[in-house]
Amino acid sequence: MQVLAPNLGQSGMQVRIETWHKKQGDQVAKGDPLFELSNEKLNEEITAPASGTLKIYVQEGEEVEPGTVLADIE
């Protein structure tokens, strides 16, 4: 299952990955905290949408557009 960057407000506003709570290859359970992200106005913690093995594509500190694939949970 793909983990996508959410839209935290205004359409098209980039979001920044602040902190990953899990590492590449970690097992995650649905509902586990995965990472924190922010934009100019908000900070939000994102939880795992499914259980499985985490494969991360976007690293801490990177800014991406909403809808970008951040990780997969296999």
N, C-alpha and C. Protein backbone atom coordinates (compact mmCIF):
# COMPACT_ATOMS: atom_id res chain seq x y z
N MET A 1 0.84 -1.18 0.00
CA MET A 1 0.00 0.00 0.00
C MET A 1 0.89 1.24 0.00
N GLN A 2 0.57 2.18 -0.87
CA GLN A 2 1.33 3.42 -0.94
C GLN A 2 0.94 4.36 0.20
N VAL A 3 1.95 5.06 0.72
CA VAL A 3 1.74 6.12 1.70
C VAL A 3 1.99 7.43 0.97
N LEU A 4 0.94 8.24 0.83
CA LEU A 4 1.00 9.48 0.06
C LEU A 4 1.10 10.69 0.97
N ALA A 5 1.74 11.74 0.47
CA ALA A 5 1.80 13.01 1.19
C ALA A 5 0.41 13.64 1.16
N PRO A 6 -0.15 13.94 2.34
CA PRO A 6 -1.48 14.54 2.37
C PRO A 6 -1.43 16.03 2.05
N ASN A 7 -2.58 16.60 1.77
CA ASN A 7 -2.73 18.03 1.59
C ASN A 7 -3.09 18.61 2.95
N LEU A 8 -2.24 19.47 3.50
CA LEU A 8 -2.47 20.01 4.84
C LEU A 8 -3.15 21.38 4.84
N GLY A 9 -3.86 21.69 3.82
CA GLY A 9 -4.52 22.99 3.79
C GLY A 9 -4.69 23.46 2.37
N GLN A 10 -4.00 24.55 2.05
CA GLN A 10 -4.14 25.13 0.72
C GLN A 10 -3.67 24.15 -0.35
N SER A 11 -4.42 24.07 -1.41
CA SER A 11 -4.10 23.17 -2.52
C SER A 11 -2.74 23.51 -3.11
N GLY A 12 -1.94 22.47 -3.33
CA GLY A 12 -0.66 22.65 -3.98
C GLY A 12 0.48 23.08 -3.07
N MET A 13 0.21 23.31 -1.77
CA MET A 13 1.26 23.73 -0.85
C MET A 13 2.14 22.53 -0.50
N GLN A 14 3.45 22.67 -0.67
CA GLN A 14 4.37 21.58 -0.37
C GLN A 14 4.37 21.25 1.12
N VAL A 15 4.69 19.99 1.41
CA VAL A 15 4.84 19.54 2.79
C VAL A 15 6.27 19.04 2.98
N ARG A 16 6.76 19.13 4.20
CA ARG A 16 8.13 18.73 4.54
C ARG A 16 8.08 17.55 5.50
N ILE A 17 8.86 16.52 5.23
CA ILE A 17 8.98 15.39 6.15
C ILE A 17 9.91 15.82 7.27
N GLU A 18 9.37 15.92 8.47
CA GLU A 18 10.17 16.36 9.61
C GLU A 18 10.91 15.20 10.25
N THR A 19 10.21 14.13 10.61
CA THR A 19 10.79 13.00 11.33
C THR A 19 10.10 11.71 10.95
N TRP A 20 10.87 10.70 10.60
CA TRP A 20 10.33 9.35 10.46
C TRP A 20 10.40 8.68 11.82
N HIS A 21 9.31 8.07 12.26
CA HIS A 21 9.30 7.33 13.53
C HIS A 21 9.71 5.88 13.34
N LYS A 22 9.74 5.43 12.10
CA LYS A 22 10.16 4.07 11.74
C LYS A 22 11.30 4.16 10.74
N LYS A 23 12.04 3.05 10.61
CA LYS A 23 13.17 3.01 9.67
C LYS A 23 12.86 2.08 8.50
N GLN A 24 13.64 2.24 7.45
CA GLN A 24 13.55 1.38 6.28
C GLN A 24 13.57 -0.09 6.72
N GLY A 25 12.61 -0.86 6.25
CA GLY A 25 12.57 -2.29 6.56
C GLY A 25 11.87 -2.66 7.85
N ASP A 26 11.47 -1.66 8.65
CA ASP A 26 10.75 -1.95 9.89
C ASP A 26 9.38 -2.55 9.60
N GLN A 27 8.92 -3.40 10.50
CA GLN A 27 7.55 -3.88 10.47
C GLN A 27 6.67 -2.82 11.13
N VAL A 28 5.56 -2.48 10.52
CA VAL A 28 4.62 -1.52 11.09
C VAL A 28 3.24 -2.17 11.16
N ALA A 29 2.46 -1.71 12.12
CA ALA A 29 1.07 -2.15 12.26
C ALA A 29 0.16 -0.99 11.91
N LYS A 30 -0.99 -1.32 11.37
CA LYS A 30 -1.96 -0.28 11.03
C LYS A 30 -2.20 0.59 12.26
N GLY A 31 -2.10 1.92 12.08
CA GLY A 31 -2.31 2.86 13.17
C GLY A 31 -1.03 3.29 13.89
N ASP A 32 0.10 2.61 13.64
CA ASP A 32 1.38 3.03 14.23
C ASP A 32 1.75 4.41 13.70
N PRO A 33 2.33 5.28 14.54
CA PRO A 33 2.85 6.55 14.04
C PRO A 33 3.99 6.29 13.06
N LEU A 34 3.90 6.87 11.86
CA LEU A 34 4.93 6.66 10.84
C LEU A 34 5.90 7.84 10.77
N PHE A 35 5.35 9.05 10.67
CA PHE A 35 6.21 10.22 10.49
C PHE A 35 5.44 11.48 10.84
N GLU A 36 6.20 12.57 11.01
CA GLU A 36 5.62 13.90 11.20
C GLU A 36 5.96 14.72 9.97
N LEU A 37 4.99 15.52 9.54
CA LEU A 37 5.24 16.42 8.43
C LEU A 37 4.67 17.78 8.75
N SER A 38 5.09 18.78 7.97
CA SER A 38 4.64 20.14 8.22
C SER A 38 4.58 20.91 6.91
N ASN A 39 3.87 22.04 6.98
CA ASN A 39 3.94 23.03 5.92
C ASN A 39 4.08 24.37 6.62
N GLU A 40 3.84 25.45 5.94
CA GLU A 40 4.05 26.77 6.55
C GLU A 40 3.14 27.02 7.75
N LYS A 41 2.00 26.32 7.81
CA LYS A 41 1.01 26.62 8.83
C LYS A 41 0.74 25.50 9.83
N LEU A 42 0.97 24.24 9.44
CA LEU A 42 0.55 23.11 10.27
C LEU A 42 1.65 22.06 10.42
N ASN A 43 1.58 21.32 11.54
CA ASN A 43 2.36 20.11 11.74
C ASN A 43 1.37 18.99 11.96
N GLU A 44 1.68 17.80 11.45
CA GLU A 44 0.75 16.68 11.61
C GLU A 44 1.53 15.37 11.69
N GLU A 45 1.05 14.47 12.56
CA GLU A 45 1.62 13.13 12.64
C GLU A 45 0.75 12.21 11.78
N ILE A 46 1.40 11.40 10.95
CA ILE A 46 0.70 10.48 10.06
C ILE A 46 0.91 9.06 10.55
N THR A 47 -0.18 8.28 10.55
CA THR A 47 -0.12 6.89 11.00
C THR A 47 -0.16 5.94 9.82
N ALA A 48 0.25 4.71 10.08
CA ALA A 48 0.29 3.69 9.03
C ALA A 48 -1.12 3.30 8.61
N PRO A 49 -1.39 3.31 7.30
CA PRO A 49 -2.72 2.92 6.81
C PRO A 49 -2.91 1.41 6.73
N ALA A 50 -1.83 0.65 6.92
CA ALA A 50 -1.88 -0.81 6.81
C ALA A 50 -0.71 -1.40 7.59
N SER A 51 -0.71 -2.71 7.75
CA SER A 51 0.39 -3.42 8.40
C SER A 51 1.30 -4.02 7.34
N GLY A 52 2.61 -4.10 7.66
CA GLY A 52 3.56 -4.71 6.74
C GLY A 52 4.96 -4.17 6.94
N THR A 53 5.79 -4.32 5.91
CA THR A 53 7.18 -3.88 5.93
C THR A 53 7.29 -2.52 5.24
N LEU A 54 7.97 -1.58 5.89
CA LEU A 54 8.07 -0.20 5.40
C LEU A 54 9.24 -0.04 4.43
N LYS A 55 8.95 0.58 3.29
CA LYS A 55 9.96 0.94 2.30
C LYS A 55 9.84 2.45 2.07
N ILE A 56 10.84 3.21 2.50
CA ILE A 56 10.81 4.68 2.48
C ILE A 56 11.45 5.22 1.20
N TYR A 57 10.79 6.20 0.56
CA TYR A 57 11.30 6.83 -0.65
C TYR A 57 11.72 8.29 -0.43
N VAL A 58 11.13 8.97 0.54
CA VAL A 58 11.41 10.38 0.78
C VAL A 58 12.03 10.52 2.18
N GLN A 59 13.16 11.18 2.24
CA GLN A 59 13.92 11.28 3.49
C GLN A 59 13.52 12.50 4.31
N GLU A 60 13.91 12.48 5.58
CA GLU A 60 13.67 13.63 6.47
C GLU A 60 14.27 14.89 5.86
N GLY A 61 13.53 15.99 5.98
CA GLY A 61 14.00 17.27 5.47
C GLY A 61 13.58 17.58 4.05
N GLU A 62 13.12 16.57 3.32
CA GLU A 62 12.70 16.79 1.93
C GLU A 62 11.31 17.41 1.89
N GLU A 63 11.08 18.29 0.90
CA GLU A 63 9.77 18.87 0.65
C GLU A 63 9.19 18.27 -0.62
N VAL A 64 7.90 17.94 -0.55
CA VAL A 64 7.24 17.30 -1.70
C VAL A 64 5.85 17.89 -1.88
N GLU A 65 5.29 17.66 -3.05
CA GLU A 65 3.93 18.07 -3.35
C GLU A 65 2.94 17.08 -2.72
N PRO A 66 1.75 17.54 -2.31
CA PRO A 66 0.72 16.61 -1.86
C PRO A 66 0.46 15.55 -2.94
N GLY A 67 0.26 14.32 -2.51
CA GLY A 67 0.02 13.22 -3.43
C GLY A 67 1.28 12.45 -3.81
N THR A 68 2.46 12.96 -3.43
CA THR A 68 3.70 12.27 -3.70
C THR A 68 3.77 10.98 -2.89
N VAL A 69 4.27 9.90 -3.51
CA VAL A 69 4.44 8.64 -2.79
C VAL A 69 5.65 8.77 -1.87
N LEU A 70 5.42 8.69 -0.56
CA LEU A 70 6.48 8.82 0.43
C LEU A 70 7.09 7.48 0.79
N ALA A 71 6.25 6.43 0.78
CA ALA A 71 6.70 5.11 1.19
C ALA A 71 5.69 4.07 0.70
N ASP A 72 6.10 2.82 0.79
CA ASP A 72 5.19 1.68 0.56
C ASP A 72 5.20 0.83 1.82
N ILE A 73 4.07 0.22 2.08
CA ILE A 73 3.97 -0.79 3.13
C ILE A 73 3.59 -2.07 2.43
N GLU A 74 4.51 -3.01 2.41
CA GLU A 74 4.33 -4.25 1.66
C GLU A 74 3.91 -5.39 2.55
